[in-house]
Amino acid sequence: MEYAEVYELVFRASTAEDDVVVVHRTDRAGAGGHPVYEDDTGIVRAEITPGGEVRMLASGGHQAPGLPVTVRPLTA
């Protein structure tokens, strides 16, 4: 399967603009066998399929991450 190296995750924000987080592919796989992506801080983590389906992963205790409204692969 072909997986993108970088994605933009767009979350609905309560402000005028949506929140965009860039995540990079890691060497880990999620429970579904797809790559785990994370942002530079390591706080935002997601398992993303080649079809753009996302499963957000908690990176710490008491975290309840929401689902992004849009997932966009970024190309170099």
C-alpha atoms as a PDB file:
ATOM      1  CA  MET A   1       0.000   0.000   0.000  1.00  0.00           C
ATOM      2  CA  GLU A   2       1.077   3.534  -0.674  1.00  0.00           C
ATOM      3  CA  TYR A   3       1.009   5.876   2.327  1.00  0.00           C
ATOM      4  CA  ALA A   4       1.645   9.615   2.292  1.00  0.00           C
ATOM      5  CA  GLU A   5       4.500  10.882   4.462  1.00  0.00           C
ATOM      6  CA  VAL A   6       2.689  14.040   5.629  1.00  0.00           C
ATOM      7  CA  TYR A   7      -0.973  14.990   6.174  1.00  0.00           C
ATOM      8  CA  GLU A   8      -2.852  18.090   7.200  1.00  0.00           C
ATOM      9  CA  LEU A   9      -5.601  17.439   9.736  1.00  0.00           C
ATOM     10  CA  VAL A  10      -8.224  20.190   9.798  1.00  0.00           C
ATOM     11  CA  PHE A  11     -10.262  20.527  12.993  1.00  0.00           C
ATOM     12  CA  ARG A  12     -13.337  22.709  13.428  1.00  0.00           C
ATOM     13  CA  ALA A  13     -12.484  25.553  15.785  1.00  0.00           C
ATOM     14  CA  SER A  14     -14.813  27.756  17.758  1.00  0.00           C
ATOM     15  CA  THR A  15     -13.009  30.795  16.333  1.00  0.00           C
ATOM     16  CA  ALA A  16     -13.379  32.165  12.788  1.00  0.00           C
ATOM     17  CA  GLU A  17     -10.637  29.935  11.362  1.00  0.00           C
ATOM     18  CA  ASP A  18     -10.297  26.160  11.528  1.00  0.00           C
ATOM     19  CA  ASP A  19      -7.295  24.649  13.302  1.00  0.00           C
ATOM     20  CA  VAL A  20      -4.815  22.933  10.925  1.00  0.00           C
ATOM     21  CA  VAL A  21      -2.276  20.453  12.299  1.00  0.00           C
ATOM     22  CA  VAL A  22       0.481  18.915  10.154  1.00  0.00           C
ATOM     23  CA  VAL A  23       1.368  15.320  11.068  1.00  0.00           C
ATOM     24  CA  HIS A  24       4.296  13.218   9.843  1.00  0.00           C
ATOM     25  CA  ARG A  25       4.480   9.457   9.393  1.00  0.00           C
ATOM     26  CA  THR A  26       6.244   7.566  12.182  1.00  0.00           C
ATOM     27  CA  ASP A  27       7.698   4.058  12.161  1.00  0.00           C
ATOM     28  CA  ARG A  28       4.807   2.791  14.299  1.00  0.00           C
ATOM     29  CA  ALA A  29       1.579   1.127  13.171  1.00  0.00           C
ATOM     30  CA  GLY A  30      -1.808   1.428  14.849  1.00  0.00           C
ATOM     31  CA  ALA A  31      -4.221  -1.317  15.848  1.00  0.00           C
ATOM     32  CA  GLY A  32      -5.610  -1.396  12.292  1.00  0.00           C
ATOM     33  CA  GLY A  33      -2.131  -1.992  10.845  1.00  0.00           C
ATOM     34  CA  HIS A  34      -1.893   1.461   9.251  1.00  0.00           C
ATOM     35  CA  PRO A  35       0.875   3.995   9.967  1.00  0.00           C
ATOM     36  CA  VAL A  36       0.681   6.282  12.969  1.00  0.00           C
ATOM     37  CA  TYR A  37       1.261   9.972  12.240  1.00  0.00           C
ATOM     38  CA  GLU A  38       2.071  12.673  14.789  1.00  0.00           C
ATOM     39  CA  ASP A  39       2.749  16.391  14.915  1.00  0.00           C
ATOM     40  CA  ASP A  40       6.118  17.873  15.915  1.00  0.00           C
ATOM     41  CA  THR A  41       5.082  18.046  19.591  1.00  0.00           C
ATOM     42  CA  GLY A  42       4.013  14.383  19.723  1.00  0.00           C
ATOM     43  CA  ILE A  43       0.669  15.421  21.211  1.00  0.00           C
ATOM     44  CA  VAL A  44      -1.528  14.968  18.124  1.00  0.00           C
ATOM     45  CA  ARG A  45      -1.426  11.347  16.933  1.00  0.00           C
ATOM     46  CA  ALA A  46      -3.549   9.568  14.356  1.00  0.00           C
ATOM     47  CA  GLU A  47      -3.690   6.297  12.470  1.00  0.00           C
ATOM     48  CA  ILE A  48      -4.499   7.125   8.828  1.00  0.00           C
ATOM     49  CA  THR A  49      -5.489   4.682   6.082  1.00  0.00           C
ATOM     50  CA  PRO A  50      -4.580   5.170   2.398  1.00  0.00           C
ATOM     51  CA  GLY A  51      -8.233   6.148   1.838  1.00  0.00           C
ATOM     52  CA  GLY A  52      -8.000   8.991   4.358  1.00  0.00           C
ATOM     53  CA  GLU A  53      -9.887   7.348   7.218  1.00  0.00           C
ATOM     54  CA  VAL A  54      -8.584   8.613  10.552  1.00  0.00           C
ATOM     55  CA  ARG A  55      -8.538   7.158  14.032  1.00  0.00           C
ATOM     56  CA  MET A  56      -7.241   9.670  16.560  1.00  0.00           C
ATOM     57  CA  LEU A  57      -4.959   8.256  19.250  1.00  0.00           C
ATOM     58  CA  ALA A  58      -4.606   9.646  22.764  1.00  0.00           C
ATOM     59  CA  SER A  59      -1.019  10.608  23.577  1.00  0.00           C
ATOM     60  CA  GLY A  60      -1.612  11.114  27.285  1.00  0.00           C
ATOM     61  CA  GLY A  61      -3.995  10.510  30.143  1.00  0.00           C
ATOM     62  CA  HIS A  62      -7.432  12.159  30.159  1.00  0.00           C
ATOM     63  CA  GLN A  63      -7.109  13.132  26.498  1.00  0.00           C
ATOM     64  CA  ALA A  64     -10.216  12.813  24.302  1.00  0.00           C
ATOM     65  CA  PRO A  65      -9.104  13.907  20.822  1.00  0.00           C
ATOM     66  CA  GLY A  66     -11.799  14.979  18.373  1.00  0.00           C
ATOM     67  CA  LEU A  67     -11.995  13.886  14.756  1.00  0.00           C
ATOM     68  CA  PRO A  68     -10.749  16.175  12.011  1.00  0.00           C
ATOM     69  CA  VAL A  69     -13.293  17.463   9.492  1.00  0.00           C
ATOM     70  CA  THR A  70     -10.791  17.182   6.633  1.00  0.00           C
ATOM     71  CA  VAL A  71      -7.666  15.085   6.017  1.00  0.00           C
ATOM     72  CA  ARG A  72      -5.320  16.195   3.212  1.00  0.00           C
ATOM     73  CA  PRO A  73      -2.149  14.444   2.104  1.00  0.00           C
ATOM     74  CA  LEU A  74       0.691  16.875   1.429  1.00  0.00           C
ATOM     75  CA  THR A  75       3.158  16.263  -1.376  1.00  0.00           C
ATOM     76  CA  ALA A  76       6.720  17.512  -1.564  1.00  0.00           C
END
